[in-house]
């Protein structure tokens, strides 16, 4: 009889609260959700005391704040957080490095006389560029094996170190202005030289 009284008391409280909520809610899409929630509470109010009676003293707890999982100490949580942060930093650093290398390649190709560039960038621990290596393939410095280029026009200049120095100077100036690297941190190597 005590269980029946508990069920009735819980149902009355739920019905009163549900009635007040329904009067306060405007007509619309939220009413079905409130009715569903109230229905769930009614089921819980009926099932928990009934199951407690039938199970001979076994308590069925229904609360969201009951934590039945094993607890973790702060050192475990700190080490896990540090591992995750390290993974994220490594992935973002490699992605940043790759994107910066692609940008540097695109910028370097804009220099007249440069056909292809391969960039190798080194970043510091904060993600700032520290050292840059560029391998440049120039149309003027292309190696055709043992075949010498044929001079079609009289007075055409052969490849000189002056061309390479000019290309190196332009690339160095552009990269130092855009990326904040020092000129001594940029190493430009011409392919085939």
C-alpha atoms as a PDB file:
ATOM      1  CA  UNK A   1       0.000   0.000   0.000  1.00  0.00           C
ATOM      2  CA  UNK A   2       2.924   2.283   0.697  1.00  0.00           C
ATOM      3  CA  UNK A   3       4.194   1.831  -2.879  1.00  0.00           C
ATOM      4  CA  UNK A   4       0.833   2.723  -4.337  1.00  0.00           C
ATOM      5  CA  UNK A   5       0.757   5.899  -2.224  1.00  0.00           C
ATOM      6  CA  UNK A   6       4.241   6.856  -3.444  1.00  0.00           C
ATOM      7  CA  UNK A   7       3.236   6.320  -7.079  1.00  0.00           C
ATOM      8  CA  UNK A   8       0.068   8.403  -6.695  1.00  0.00           C
ATOM      9  CA  UNK A   9       1.947  11.216  -4.914  1.00  0.00           C
ATOM     10  CA  UNK A  10       4.639  11.323  -7.636  1.00  0.00           C
ATOM     11  CA  UNK A  11       2.023  11.285 -10.404  1.00  0.00           C
ATOM     12  CA  UNK A  12       0.096  14.156  -8.815  1.00  0.00           C
ATOM     13  CA  UNK A  13       3.241  16.285  -8.586  1.00  0.00           C
ATOM     14  CA  UNK A  14       4.139  15.545 -12.198  1.00  0.00           C
ATOM     15  CA  UNK A  15       0.612  16.296 -13.432  1.00  0.00           C
ATOM     16  CA  UNK A  16       0.483  19.614 -11.568  1.00  0.00           C
ATOM     17  CA  UNK A  17       3.877  20.691 -12.937  1.00  0.00           C
ATOM     18  CA  UNK A  18       2.903  19.563 -16.459  1.00  0.00           C
ATOM     19  CA  UNK A  19      -0.363  21.513 -16.303  1.00  0.00           C
ATOM     20  CA  UNK A  20       1.424  24.685 -15.240  1.00  0.00           C
ATOM     21  CA  UNK A  21       4.002  24.248 -18.009  1.00  0.00           C
ATOM     22  CA  UNK A  22       1.335  23.715 -20.661  1.00  0.00           C
ATOM     23  CA  UNK A  23      -0.521  26.853 -19.602  1.00  0.00           C
ATOM     24  CA  UNK A  24       2.686  28.888 -19.759  1.00  0.00           C
ATOM     25  CA  UNK A  25       3.859  27.585 -23.142  1.00  0.00           C
ATOM     26  CA  UNK A  26       2.666  29.354 -26.288  1.00  0.00           C
ATOM     27  CA  UNK A  27       0.991  27.393 -29.043  1.00  0.00           C
ATOM     28  CA  UNK A  28       3.700  25.997 -31.256  1.00  0.00           C
ATOM     29  CA  UNK A  29       6.255  23.303 -31.832  1.00  0.00           C
ATOM     30  CA  UNK A  30       7.479  22.956 -28.237  1.00  0.00           C
ATOM     31  CA  UNK A  31       4.295  21.485 -26.760  1.00  0.00           C
ATOM     32  CA  UNK A  32       4.841  17.966 -28.181  1.00  0.00           C
ATOM     33  CA  UNK A  33       8.316  17.880 -26.665  1.00  0.00           C
ATOM     34  CA  UNK A  34       6.997  18.933 -23.267  1.00  0.00           C
ATOM     35  CA  UNK A  35       4.317  16.248 -23.438  1.00  0.00           C
ATOM     36  CA  UNK A  36       6.930  13.633 -24.368  1.00  0.00           C
ATOM     37  CA  UNK A  37       9.119  14.685 -21.433  1.00  0.00           C
ATOM     38  CA  UNK A  38       6.199  14.614 -19.021  1.00  0.00           C
ATOM     39  CA  UNK A  39       5.268  11.158 -20.318  1.00  0.00           C
ATOM     40  CA  UNK A  40       8.807   9.944 -19.613  1.00  0.00           C
ATOM     41  CA  UNK A  41       8.599  11.278 -16.054  1.00  0.00           C
ATOM     42  CA  UNK A  42       5.248   9.527 -15.576  1.00  0.00           C
ATOM     43  CA  UNK A  43       6.796   6.239 -16.720  1.00  0.00           C
ATOM     44  CA  UNK A  44       9.717   6.691 -14.355  1.00  0.00           C
ATOM     45  CA  UNK A  45       7.392   7.611 -11.483  1.00  0.00           C
ATOM     46  CA  UNK A  46       5.477   4.377 -12.013  1.00  0.00           C
ATOM     47  CA  UNK A  47       8.327   2.005 -12.876  1.00  0.00           C
ATOM     48  CA  UNK A  48      10.904   2.868 -10.206  1.00  0.00           C
ATOM     49  CA  UNK A  49       8.733   2.147  -7.136  1.00  0.00           C
ATOM     50  CA  UNK A  50       7.249  -0.932  -8.840  1.00  0.00           C
ATOM     51  CA  UNK A  51      10.682  -2.335  -9.712  1.00  0.00           C
ATOM     52  CA  UNK A  52      11.935  -1.563  -6.208  1.00  0.00           C
ATOM     53  CA  UNK A  53       9.041  -3.560  -4.746  1.00  0.00           C
ATOM     54  CA  UNK A  54       9.501  -6.501  -7.122  1.00  0.00           C
ATOM     55  CA  UNK A  55      13.277  -6.729  -6.804  1.00  0.00           C
ATOM     56  CA  UNK A  56      13.425  -7.206  -3.044  1.00  0.00           C
ATOM     57  CA  UNK A  57      15.422  -4.211  -1.953  1.00  0.00           C
ATOM     58  CA  UNK A  58      17.553  -3.624  -5.031  1.00  0.00           C
ATOM     59  CA  UNK A  59      17.591   0.105  -5.680  1.00  0.00           C
ATOM     60  CA  UNK A  60      17.151   1.389  -9.206  1.00  0.00           C
ATOM     61  CA  UNK A  61      18.631   4.849  -9.397  1.00  0.00           C
ATOM     62  CA  UNK A  62      17.489   7.107 -12.181  1.00  0.00           C
ATOM     63  CA  UNK A  63      19.395  10.340 -12.034  1.00  0.00           C
ATOM     64  CA  UNK A  64      21.655  12.006 -14.507  1.00  0.00           C
ATOM     65  CA  UNK A  65      24.222  13.021 -11.912  1.00  0.00           C
ATOM     66  CA  UNK A  66      24.969   9.523 -10.643  1.00  0.00           C
ATOM     67  CA  UNK A  67      28.422   8.671 -11.919  1.00  0.00           C
ATOM     68  CA  UNK A  68      29.084   4.978 -11.779  1.00  0.00           C
ATOM     69  CA  UNK A  69      32.259   5.133 -13.879  1.00  0.00           C
ATOM     70  CA  UNK A  70      35.734   4.786 -12.507  1.00  0.00           C
ATOM     71  CA  UNK A  71      37.318   8.124 -11.568  1.00  0.00           C
ATOM     72  CA  UNK A  72      40.547   9.430 -13.037  1.00  0.00           C
ATOM     73  CA  UNK A  73      43.179  11.300 -11.103  1.00  0.00           C
ATOM     74  CA  UNK A  74      44.502  14.666 -12.219  1.00  0.00           C
ATOM     75  CA  UNK A  75      47.878  13.319 -13.380  1.00  0.00           C
ATOM     76  CA  UNK A  76      46.161  10.938 -15.825  1.00  0.00           C
ATOM     77  CA  UNK A  77      43.987  13.770 -17.146  1.00  0.00           C
ATOM     78  CA  UNK A  78      46.996  16.118 -17.446  1.00  0.00           C
ATOM     79  CA  UNK A  79      49.058  13.562 -19.347  1.00  0.00           C
ATOM     80  CA  UNK A  80      46.162  12.787 -21.689  1.00  0.00           C
ATOM     81  CA  UNK A  81      45.575  16.487 -22.343  1.00  0.00           C
ATOM     82  CA  UNK A  82      49.291  17.020 -23.029  1.00  0.00           C
ATOM     83  CA  UNK A  83      49.338  14.070 -25.453  1.00  0.00           C
ATOM     84  CA  UNK A  84      46.323  15.402 -27.327  1.00  0.00           C
ATOM     85  CA  UNK A  85      47.780  18.926 -27.438  1.00  0.00           C
ATOM     86  CA  UNK A  86      51.056  17.518 -28.779  1.00  0.00           C
ATOM     87  CA  UNK A  87      49.262  15.617 -31.535  1.00  0.00           C
ATOM     88  CA  UNK A  88      47.269  18.682 -32.520  1.00  0.00           C
ATOM     89  CA  UNK A  89      50.394  20.856 -32.507  1.00  0.00           C
ATOM     90  CA  UNK A  90      52.343  18.360 -34.642  1.00  0.00           C
ATOM     91  CA  UNK A  91      49.551  18.049 -37.173  1.00  0.00           C
ATOM     92  CA  UNK A  92      48.959  21.781 -37.376  1.00  0.00           C
ATOM     93  CA  UNK A  93      52.712  22.443 -37.616  1.00  0.00           C
ATOM     94  CA  UNK A  94      53.166  20.028 -40.519  1.00  0.00           C
ATOM     95  CA  UNK A  95      50.099  21.432 -42.275  1.00  0.00           C
ATOM     96  CA  UNK A  96      51.362  24.992 -41.737  1.00  0.00           C
ATOM     97  CA  UNK A  97      54.795  24.018 -43.047  1.00  0.00           C
ATOM     98  CA  UNK A  98      53.288  22.414 -46.142  1.00  0.00           C
ATOM     99  CA  UNK A  99      51.076  25.419 -46.899  1.00  0.00           C
ATOM    100  CA  UNK A 100      53.935  27.883 -46.390  1.00  0.00           C
ATOM    101  CA  UNK A 101      56.158  25.829 -48.693  1.00  0.00           C
ATOM    102  CA  UNK A 102      53.430  25.927 -51.353  1.00  0.00           C
ATOM    103  CA  UNK A 103      53.104  29.713 -50.937  1.00  0.00           C
ATOM    104  CA  UNK A 104      56.856  30.202 -51.147  1.00  0.00           C
ATOM    105  CA  UNK A 105      56.994  28.069 -54.292  1.00  0.00           C
ATOM    106  CA  UNK A 106      54.206  30.111 -55.891  1.00  0.00           C
ATOM    107  CA  UNK A 107      55.893  33.398 -54.998  1.00  0.00           C
ATOM    108  CA  UNK A 108      59.321  32.232 -56.212  1.00  0.00           C
ATOM    109  CA  UNK A 109      57.973  31.087 -59.580  1.00  0.00           C
ATOM    110  CA  UNK A 110      56.830  34.667 -60.237  1.00  0.00           C
ATOM    111  CA  UNK A 111      60.462  35.784 -60.563  1.00  0.00           C
ATOM    112  CA  UNK A 112      61.365  36.085 -64.265  1.00  0.00           C
ATOM    113  CA  UNK A 113      63.620  33.280 -65.481  1.00  0.00           C
ATOM    114  CA  UNK A 114      62.408  30.719 -62.923  1.00  0.00           C
ATOM    115  CA  UNK A 115      60.562  27.670 -64.227  1.00  0.00           C
ATOM    116  CA  UNK A 116      60.208  25.498 -61.152  1.00  0.00           C
ATOM    117  CA  UNK A 117      60.970  25.779 -57.450  1.00  0.00           C
ATOM    118  CA  UNK A 118      61.046  23.232 -54.664  1.00  0.00           C
ATOM    119  CA  UNK A 119      60.911  24.686 -51.140  1.00  0.00           C
ATOM    120  CA  UNK A 120      62.104  23.123 -47.903  1.00  0.00           C
ATOM    121  CA  UNK A 121      61.064  25.174 -44.872  1.00  0.00           C
ATOM    122  CA  UNK A 122      62.103  24.731 -41.254  1.00  0.00           C
ATOM    123  CA  UNK A 123      59.832  26.125 -38.535  1.00  0.00           C
ATOM    124  CA  UNK A 124      60.642  26.887 -34.910  1.00  0.00           C
ATOM    125  CA  UNK A 125      58.531  25.524 -32.042  1.00  0.00           C
ATOM    126  CA  UNK A 126      56.111  28.479 -32.322  1.00  0.00           C
ATOM    127  CA  UNK A 127      55.475  27.898 -36.022  1.00  0.00           C
ATOM    128  CA  UNK A 128      57.608  30.805 -37.270  1.00  0.00           C
ATOM    129  CA  UNK A 129      59.784  30.274 -40.353  1.00  0.00           C
ATOM    130  CA  UNK A 130      63.458  29.880 -39.372  1.00  0.00           C
ATOM    131  CA  UNK A 131      65.320  28.451 -42.357  1.00  0.00           C
ATOM    132  CA  UNK A 132      64.400  28.128 -46.021  1.00  0.00           C
ATOM    133  CA  UNK A 133      66.018  26.082 -48.737  1.00  0.00           C
ATOM    134  CA  UNK A 134      64.978  26.591 -52.345  1.00  0.00           C
ATOM    135  CA  UNK A 135      65.964  24.409 -55.272  1.00  0.00           C
ATOM    136  CA  UNK A 136      65.460  26.465 -58.417  1.00  0.00           C
ATOM    137  CA  UNK A 137      65.231  25.221 -61.949  1.00  0.00           C
ATOM    138  CA  UNK A 138      65.682  28.058 -64.371  1.00  0.00           C
ATOM    139  CA  UNK A 139      65.077  28.032 -68.082  1.00  0.00           C
ATOM    140  CA  UNK A 140      68.485  29.629 -68.376  1.00  0.00           C
ATOM    141  CA  UNK A 141      70.208  26.982 -66.255  1.00  0.00           C
ATOM    142  CA  UNK A 142      68.582  23.893 -67.719  1.00  0.00           C
ATOM    143  CA  UNK A 143      71.030  21.077 -68.314  1.00  0.00           C
ATOM    144  CA  UNK A 144      70.503  19.344 -71.637  1.00  0.00           C
ATOM    145  CA  UNK A 145      73.184  16.717 -71.142  1.00  0.00           C
ATOM    146  CA  UNK A 146      76.136  17.319 -73.442  1.00  0.00           C
ATOM    147  CA  UNK A 147      74.138  19.302 -75.991  1.00  0.00           C
ATOM    148  CA  UNK A 148      75.006  22.995 -76.040  1.00  0.00           C
ATOM    149  CA  UNK A 149      72.245  25.492 -76.744  1.00  0.00           C
ATOM    150  CA  UNK A 150      72.325  26.947 -80.240  1.00  0.00           C
ATOM    151  CA  UNK A 151      72.568  30.715 -80.394  1.00  0.00           C
ATOM    152  CA  UNK A 152      70.060  31.867 -82.932  1.00  0.00           C
ATOM    153  CA  UNK A 153      70.521  35.589 -82.599  1.00  0.00           C
ATOM    154  CA  UNK A 154      73.867  37.195 -82.919  1.00  0.00           C
ATOM    155  CA  UNK A 155      74.960  38.734 -79.660  1.00  0.00           C
ATOM    156  CA  UNK A 156      72.657  36.576 -77.486  1.00  0.00           C
ATOM    157  CA  UNK A 157      74.053  36.216 -73.980  1.00  0.00           C
ATOM    158  CA  UNK A 158      75.035  32.786 -72.730  1.00  0.00           C
ATOM    159  CA  UNK A 159      74.059  31.770 -69.203  1.00  0.00           C
ATOM    160  CA  UNK A 160      76.130  33.662 -66.698  1.00  0.00           C
ATOM    161  CA  UNK A 161      76.456  33.825 -62.989  1.00  0.00           C
ATOM    162  CA  UNK A 162      74.980  37.305 -63.276  1.00  0.00           C
ATOM    163  CA  UNK A 163      71.584  35.760 -64.169  1.00  0.00           C
ATOM    164  CA  UNK A 164      71.679  33.525 -61.129  1.00  0.00           C
ATOM    165  CA  UNK A 165      72.739  36.388 -58.874  1.00  0.00           C
ATOM    166  CA  UNK A 166      69.889  38.504 -60.232  1.00  0.00           C
ATOM    167  CA  UNK A 167      67.321  35.733 -59.689  1.00  0.00           C
ATOM    168  CA  UNK A 168      68.708  35.021 -56.226  1.00  0.00           C
ATOM    169  CA  UNK A 169      68.550  38.707 -55.292  1.00  0.00           C
ATOM    170  CA  UNK A 170      64.948  39.101 -56.449  1.00  0.00           C
ATOM    171  CA  UNK A 171      63.781  35.935 -54.704  1.00  0.00           C
ATOM    172  CA  UNK A 172      65.589  36.839 -51.490  1.00  0.00           C
ATOM    173  CA  UNK A 173      64.110  40.334 -51.462  1.00  0.00           C
ATOM    174  CA  UNK A 174      60.559  39.096 -52.059  1.00  0.00           C
ATOM    175  CA  UNK A 175      60.765  36.354 -49.414  1.00  0.00           C
ATOM    176  CA  UNK A 176      62.362  38.584 -46.756  1.00  0.00           C
ATOM    177  CA  UNK A 177      59.689  41.221 -47.295  1.00  0.00           C
ATOM    178  CA  UNK A 178      56.749  38.809 -47.238  1.00  0.00           C
ATOM    179  CA  UNK A 179      57.770  36.203 -44.665  1.00  0.00           C
ATOM    180  CA  UNK A 180      60.135  38.033 -42.300  1.00  0.00           C
ATOM    181  CA  UNK A 181      63.065  35.714 -42.886  1.00  0.00           C
ATOM    182  CA  UNK A 182      66.577  37.118 -42.826  1.00  0.00           C
ATOM    183  CA  UNK A 183      68.598  36.908 -46.045  1.00  0.00           C
ATOM    184  CA  UNK A 184      71.181  34.651 -44.387  1.00  0.00           C
ATOM    185  CA  UNK A 185      68.414  32.156 -43.493  1.00  0.00           C
ATOM    186  CA  UNK A 186      67.535  31.650 -47.167  1.00  0.00           C
ATOM    187  CA  UNK A 187      69.586  29.206 -49.203  1.00  0.00           C
ATOM    188  CA  UNK A 188      68.944  29.144 -52.944  1.00  0.00           C
ATOM    189  CA  UNK A 189      70.494  26.358 -55.007  1.00  0.00           C
ATOM    190  CA  UNK A 190      70.158  26.168 -58.759  1.00  0.00           C
ATOM    191  CA  UNK A 191      69.468  22.710 -60.082  1.00  0.00           C
ATOM    192  CA  UNK A 192      72.234  21.354 -62.229  1.00  0.00           C
ATOM    193  CA  UNK A 193      74.870  23.649 -60.730  1.00  0.00           C
END
